[in-house]
């Protein structure tokens, strides 16, 4: 796993970098056909055709890989046959073949390689790639792909390089520190996978040119001050105006770290310590 830099033969190549894909088992291998399906592009629009996520559209055609986020195949050992690239996420995925012949894709944690044996259940060893309930995982273990409700499947810590730490247990609850620094209560019956998500150097990749951004399905971003008043709260004015107000989104949402979470949100009772604010340059932990 590393970063490969191009020679500056063109302005787009200057400074651009890509992953060296050294962790992949076979770069020419096609994805498992039974574990893929067509991914239809939505262009950031909802079922009414309205844009709900701006700056989306286009992008290269993709096949969606069906990932096993639940990890409920207990008592059956599986062998990792391949580490593969997935265009739909920042981390790599691992193709696992179980003893009964079934194949599944899982998120590939750091240190998992082809030939490794993994399993799921309440009595498994705390080895990288194994999945177990929070009630049986040793305290202080680094985990990822964490469930928020038992049986729902992993929802937290799924992107490249992320991981959480299991801090404590009390009754039917477990206490987990998330990558943002937030400390949260989670039911002990929820499952998590041991280890840190792989491809941690993904954030160091420099695209180098606008075209690579378009390949990812990201359209150009226009400044609010360059728009008309009808299109943005910061638009309009004679000449070049600096906005006349604090930066915000087209819907008026503050862009400098203002609180936007609902005060009476039901899940707030599960948060023991909130994440640190990144306002005024304060770094996350």
Protein backbone atom coordinates (compact mmCIF):
# COMPACT_ATOMS: atom_id res chain seq x y z
CA UNK A 1 0.00 0.00 0.00
CA UNK A 2 1.48 3.31 -1.08
CA UNK A 3 1.22 6.37 -3.29
CA UNK A 4 2.67 6.53 -6.79
CA UNK A 5 3.55 9.93 -8.30
CA UNK A 6 3.55 10.78 -11.98
CA UNK A 7 6.29 12.50 -13.95
CA UNK A 8 5.24 16.12 -14.67
CA UNK A 9 4.93 15.64 -18.45
CA UNK A 10 1.70 17.70 -18.55
CA UNK A 11 0.15 20.28 -16.22
CA UNK A 12 -2.47 17.69 -15.19
CA UNK A 13 0.20 15.14 -14.31
CA UNK A 14 2.24 17.62 -12.28
CA UNK A 15 1.52 16.93 -8.64
CA UNK A 16 -1.01 14.18 -9.41
CA UNK A 17 -0.76 10.87 -7.58
CA UNK A 18 -2.51 7.52 -7.49
CA UNK A 19 -2.54 4.46 -5.29
CA UNK A 20 0.01 1.83 -6.28
CA UNK A 21 -2.59 -0.93 -5.67
CA UNK A 22 0.14 -3.15 -4.25
CA UNK A 23 -2.27 -4.78 -1.80
CA UNK A 24 -4.48 -6.17 -4.58
CA UNK A 25 -4.12 -9.89 -5.24
CA UNK A 26 -4.83 -9.78 -8.98
CA UNK A 27 -5.42 -6.43 -10.68
CA UNK A 28 -6.90 -8.09 -13.78
CA UNK A 29 -9.48 -10.18 -11.90
CA UNK A 30 -13.10 -9.38 -12.68
CA UNK A 31 -15.49 -9.01 -9.71
CA UNK A 32 -17.53 -12.04 -8.66
CA UNK A 33 -20.52 -11.91 -11.00
CA UNK A 34 -23.03 -13.31 -8.47
CA UNK A 35 -22.03 -10.59 -5.99
CA UNK A 36 -22.55 -7.62 -8.30
CA UNK A 37 -25.52 -5.67 -9.54
CA UNK A 38 -26.17 -2.67 -11.75
CA UNK A 39 -25.76 0.69 -10.05
CA UNK A 40 -28.04 3.29 -11.54
CA UNK A 41 -26.85 6.89 -11.35
CA UNK A 42 -29.18 9.45 -9.80
CA UNK A 43 -27.28 12.68 -10.41
CA UNK A 44 -28.00 13.87 -6.87
CA UNK A 45 -31.78 13.80 -7.43
CA UNK A 46 -34.48 12.23 -5.26
CA UNK A 47 -37.58 10.29 -6.33
CA UNK A 48 -39.25 13.57 -7.30
CA UNK A 49 -36.45 14.55 -9.64
CA UNK A 50 -35.31 17.41 -7.42
CA UNK A 51 -31.62 17.98 -6.71
CA UNK A 52 -30.99 17.15 -3.04
CA UNK A 53 -27.20 16.71 -3.33
CA UNK A 54 -25.48 19.37 -5.40
CA UNK A 55 -22.48 18.90 -7.69
CA UNK A 56 -23.28 15.29 -8.62
CA UNK A 57 -23.57 13.82 -12.10
CA UNK A 58 -21.72 11.97 -14.83
CA UNK A 59 -18.84 9.78 -13.79
CA UNK A 60 -17.53 6.45 -15.01
CA UNK A 61 -19.88 3.49 -15.24
CA UNK A 62 -19.70 1.19 -12.20
CA UNK A 63 -20.77 -2.25 -11.04
CA UNK A 64 -21.93 -2.32 -7.44
CA UNK A 65 -20.32 -4.99 -5.28
CA UNK A 66 -22.69 -6.47 -2.68
CA UNK A 67 -20.87 -6.21 0.66
CA UNK A 68 -21.69 -8.33 3.71
CA UNK A 69 -21.98 -5.66 6.41
CA UNK A 70 -23.97 -7.89 8.79
CA UNK A 71 -21.40 -10.69 9.16
CA UNK A 72 -23.95 -13.14 10.59
CA UNK A 73 -22.48 -16.37 9.16
CA UNK A 74 -21.53 -17.82 12.54
CA UNK A 75 -19.54 -20.99 13.13
CA UNK A 76 -18.30 -21.27 9.53
CA UNK A 77 -14.70 -20.38 8.76
CA UNK A 78 -13.90 -18.46 5.60
CA UNK A 79 -10.71 -18.08 3.62
CA UNK A 80 -9.77 -14.80 1.95
CA UNK A 81 -9.09 -15.62 -1.70
CA UNK A 82 -8.60 -12.12 -3.15
CA UNK A 83 -8.18 -8.49 -2.11
CA UNK A 84 -9.98 -6.44 -4.77
CA UNK A 85 -10.56 -2.83 -5.79
CA UNK A 86 -14.04 -1.39 -5.32
CA UNK A 87 -14.93 1.79 -7.25
CA UNK A 88 -17.89 2.46 -4.95
CA UNK A 89 -15.86 3.06 -1.75
CA UNK A 90 -12.47 4.31 -0.60
CA UNK A 91 -11.28 1.06 1.00
CA UNK A 92 -10.47 -2.30 -0.57
CA UNK A 93 -12.75 -5.33 -0.32
CA UNK A 94 -11.92 -8.96 0.37
CA UNK A 95 -13.53 -11.94 -1.34
CA UNK A 96 -14.17 -14.65 1.26
CA UNK A 97 -14.97 -18.27 0.43
CA UNK A 98 -16.56 -20.16 3.31
CA UNK A 99 -16.25 -23.86 4.05
CA UNK A 100 -19.75 -24.52 2.72
CA UNK A 101 -18.79 -23.02 -0.66
CA UNK A 102 -20.55 -19.66 -0.31
CA UNK A 103 -18.68 -16.51 -1.33
CA UNK A 104 -19.10 -13.05 0.15
CA UNK A 105 -17.42 -9.66 -0.02
CA UNK A 106 -16.33 -7.90 3.18
CA UNK A 107 -14.45 -4.69 3.88
CA UNK A 108 -10.71 -5.41 3.88
CA UNK A 109 -9.06 -4.28 7.14
CA UNK A 110 -5.40 -3.31 7.32
CA UNK A 111 -3.22 -6.41 7.52
CA UNK A 112 -5.69 -8.84 5.95
CA UNK A 113 -4.19 -10.71 2.99
CA UNK A 114 -5.13 -13.56 0.69
CA UNK A 115 -4.99 -16.90 2.51
CA UNK A 116 -6.11 -15.51 5.87
CA UNK A 117 -8.86 -17.40 7.72
CA UNK A 118 -11.66 -15.36 9.30
CA UNK A 119 -14.89 -16.18 11.13
CA UNK A 120 -17.83 -14.61 12.90
CA UNK A 121 -19.57 -15.39 16.17
CA UNK A 122 -19.59 -14.79 19.90
CA UNK A 123 -16.59 -17.00 20.72
CA UNK A 124 -14.11 -16.03 17.98
CA UNK A 125 -10.57 -14.87 18.68
CA UNK A 126 -9.96 -11.10 18.48
CA UNK A 127 -7.95 -11.41 15.26
CA UNK A 128 -7.98 -8.96 12.35
CA UNK A 129 -11.00 -9.58 10.13
CA UNK A 130 -13.04 -11.53 12.69
CA UNK A 131 -16.48 -10.24 13.64
CA UNK A 132 -18.04 -10.50 17.10
CA UNK A 133 -20.56 -8.73 19.35
CA UNK A 134 -19.23 -5.81 21.39
CA UNK A 135 -20.08 -7.84 24.51
CA UNK A 136 -17.29 -10.35 23.78
CA UNK A 137 -14.61 -8.12 22.21
CA UNK A 138 -11.76 -7.25 24.65
CA UNK A 139 -11.67 -3.67 25.89
CA UNK A 140 -9.21 -1.42 24.10
CA UNK A 141 -9.60 -3.28 20.80
CA UNK A 142 -9.53 -1.31 17.55
CA UNK A 143 -12.73 -2.02 15.59
CA UNK A 144 -14.59 -0.94 12.44
CA UNK A 145 -17.86 -1.66 10.56
CA UNK A 146 -19.84 -1.08 13.76
CA UNK A 147 -23.57 -1.71 14.03
CA UNK A 148 -25.86 0.84 15.65
CA UNK A 149 -28.75 -1.59 16.05
CA UNK A 150 -28.35 -5.39 16.45
CA UNK A 151 -28.76 -7.18 13.12
CA UNK A 152 -28.91 -4.03 11.01
CA UNK A 153 -25.38 -4.29 9.67
CA UNK A 154 -22.31 -2.12 10.13
CA UNK A 155 -22.90 1.60 9.63
CA UNK A 156 -19.97 3.37 11.31
CA UNK A 157 -16.24 3.37 10.49
CA UNK A 158 -16.42 1.96 6.98
CA UNK A 159 -14.23 4.36 4.96
CA UNK A 160 -10.51 3.98 4.31
CA UNK A 161 -8.23 4.34 7.32
CA UNK A 162 -10.98 4.75 9.92
CA UNK A 163 -11.29 2.85 13.19
CA UNK A 164 -12.91 3.17 16.59
CA UNK A 165 -11.84 1.98 20.04
CA UNK A 166 -13.97 -0.06 22.42
CA UNK A 167 -13.53 1.69 25.78
CA UNK A 168 -15.90 0.20 28.34
CA UNK A 169 -19.01 -1.86 28.97
CA UNK A 170 -21.80 -1.32 31.46
CA UNK A 171 -24.88 -3.49 31.57
CA UNK A 172 -26.25 -3.93 28.07
CA UNK A 173 -24.29 -0.99 26.66
CA UNK A 174 -20.80 -0.57 25.26
CA UNK A 175 -18.85 2.69 25.07
CA UNK A 176 -16.99 3.41 21.83
CA UNK A 177 -14.71 6.30 20.85
CA UNK A 178 -15.26 7.18 17.19
CA UNK A 179 -12.65 8.70 14.81
CA UNK A 180 -14.20 12.16 15.25
CA UNK A 181 -13.52 12.04 19.00
CA UNK A 182 -17.18 11.45 19.84
CA UNK A 183 -17.83 8.92 22.61
CA UNK A 184 -21.04 7.01 22.04
CA UNK A 185 -23.11 4.31 23.75
CA UNK A 186 -23.99 1.31 21.59
CA UNK A 187 -25.93 -1.83 22.55
CA UNK A 188 -23.52 -4.64 23.48
CA UNK A 189 -25.38 -7.01 21.17
CA UNK A 190 -24.24 -4.98 18.14
CA UNK A 191 -21.41 -6.45 16.13
CA UNK A 192 -18.12 -4.98 14.95
CA UNK A 193 -15.14 -6.22 12.98
CA UNK A 194 -11.65 -6.34 14.48
CA UNK A 195 -8.99 -4.04 13.01
CA UNK A 196 -8.67 -0.77 11.13
CA UNK A 197 -10.05 -0.28 7.64
CA UNK A 198 -7.29 -0.60 5.04
CA UNK A 199 -6.02 1.79 2.36
CA UNK A 200 -5.27 4.45 4.97
CA UNK A 201 -3.26 6.54 2.49
CA UNK A 202 -6.32 7.25 0.35
CA UNK A 203 -6.63 10.78 1.75
CA UNK A 204 -3.11 11.61 0.48
CA UNK A 205 -4.02 11.07 -3.18
CA UNK A 206 -3.99 14.27 -5.28
CA UNK A 207 -6.29 14.21 -8.31
CA UNK A 208 -4.22 16.74 -10.24
CA UNK A 209 -6.84 17.81 -12.77
CA UNK A 210 -10.54 18.55 -13.02
CA UNK A 211 -11.15 15.60 -15.32
CA UNK A 212 -10.37 13.05 -12.62
CA UNK A 213 -12.96 14.74 -10.45
CA UNK A 214 -15.54 14.35 -13.22
CA UNK A 215 -14.67 10.65 -13.56
CA UNK A 216 -15.74 10.29 -9.94
CA UNK A 217 -19.13 11.86 -10.69
CA UNK A 218 -18.39 15.28 -9.17
CA UNK A 219 -19.55 18.34 -11.12
CA UNK A 220 -18.06 21.86 -10.79
CA UNK A 221 -18.65 23.86 -7.63
CA UNK A 222 -19.72 27.50 -8.07
CA UNK A 223 -19.19 30.15 -5.38
CA UNK A 224 -22.32 31.56 -3.83
CA UNK A 225 -21.08 35.15 -4.25
CA UNK A 226 -20.90 34.59 -8.03
CA UNK A 227 -24.61 33.71 -8.23
CA UNK A 228 -27.75 35.81 -8.48
CA UNK A 229 -29.74 36.64 -5.33
CA UNK A 230 -32.48 34.22 -6.41
CA UNK A 231 -30.02 31.30 -6.41
CA UNK A 232 -28.02 31.90 -3.22
CA UNK A 233 -28.27 34.01 -0.03
CA UNK A 234 -24.82 35.44 -0.75
CA UNK A 235 -25.51 36.25 -4.40
CA UNK A 236 -26.04 39.59 -6.11
CA UNK A 237 -24.70 43.04 -5.33
CA UNK A 238 -22.89 45.67 -7.35
CA UNK A 239 -19.34 44.69 -8.21
CA UNK A 240 -17.46 42.05 -6.29
CA UNK A 241 -19.04 41.73 -2.88
CA UNK A 242 -17.61 39.64 -0.07
CA UNK A 243 -21.08 38.43 0.87
CA UNK A 244 -22.12 40.75 3.68
CA UNK A 245 -22.86 37.81 5.97
CA UNK A 246 -21.24 34.68 7.27
CA UNK A 247 -20.75 32.01 4.60
CA UNK A 248 -23.66 29.64 4.19
CA UNK A 249 -25.21 27.10 1.87
CA UNK A 250 -28.02 27.90 -0.62
CA UNK A 251 -30.49 26.92 2.11
CA UNK A 252 -28.86 29.20 4.70
CA UNK A 253 -26.97 26.49 6.60
CA UNK A 254 -23.85 28.03 8.25
CA UNK A 255 -20.56 26.97 6.67
CA UNK A 256 -18.20 27.89 9.51
CA UNK A 257 -19.05 25.18 12.01
CA UNK A 258 -22.41 26.32 13.34
CA UNK A 259 -24.53 23.71 15.10
CA UNK A 260 -27.13 22.13 12.83
CA UNK A 261 -28.07 19.03 14.83
CA UNK A 262 -31.66 18.89 16.10
CA UNK A 263 -31.72 19.68 19.82
CA UNK A 264 -34.28 16.99 20.63
CA UNK A 265 -32.98 14.23 18.39
CA UNK A 266 -33.73 10.84 19.93
CA UNK A 267 -30.21 9.46 19.48
CA UNK A 268 -28.64 12.35 21.42
CA UNK A 269 -29.05 10.37 24.64
CA UNK A 270 -26.55 7.83 23.27
CA UNK A 271 -23.82 10.47 22.92
CA UNK A 272 -21.63 10.64 26.02
CA UNK A 273 -19.14 13.19 24.69
CA UNK A 274 -19.65 15.17 21.52
CA UNK A 275 -17.01 15.43 18.83
CA UNK A 276 -14.68 18.39 18.95
CA UNK A 277 -15.60 21.34 16.78
CA UNK A 278 -13.35 22.11 13.80
CA UNK A 279 -14.26 25.75 13.99
CA UNK A 280 -11.37 28.23 14.08
CA UNK A 281 -8.88 25.58 13.02
CA UNK A 282 -9.32 23.20 15.96
CA UNK A 283 -8.30 19.73 14.81
CA UNK A 284 -10.32 16.57 15.28
CA UNK A 285 -8.99 13.70 17.38
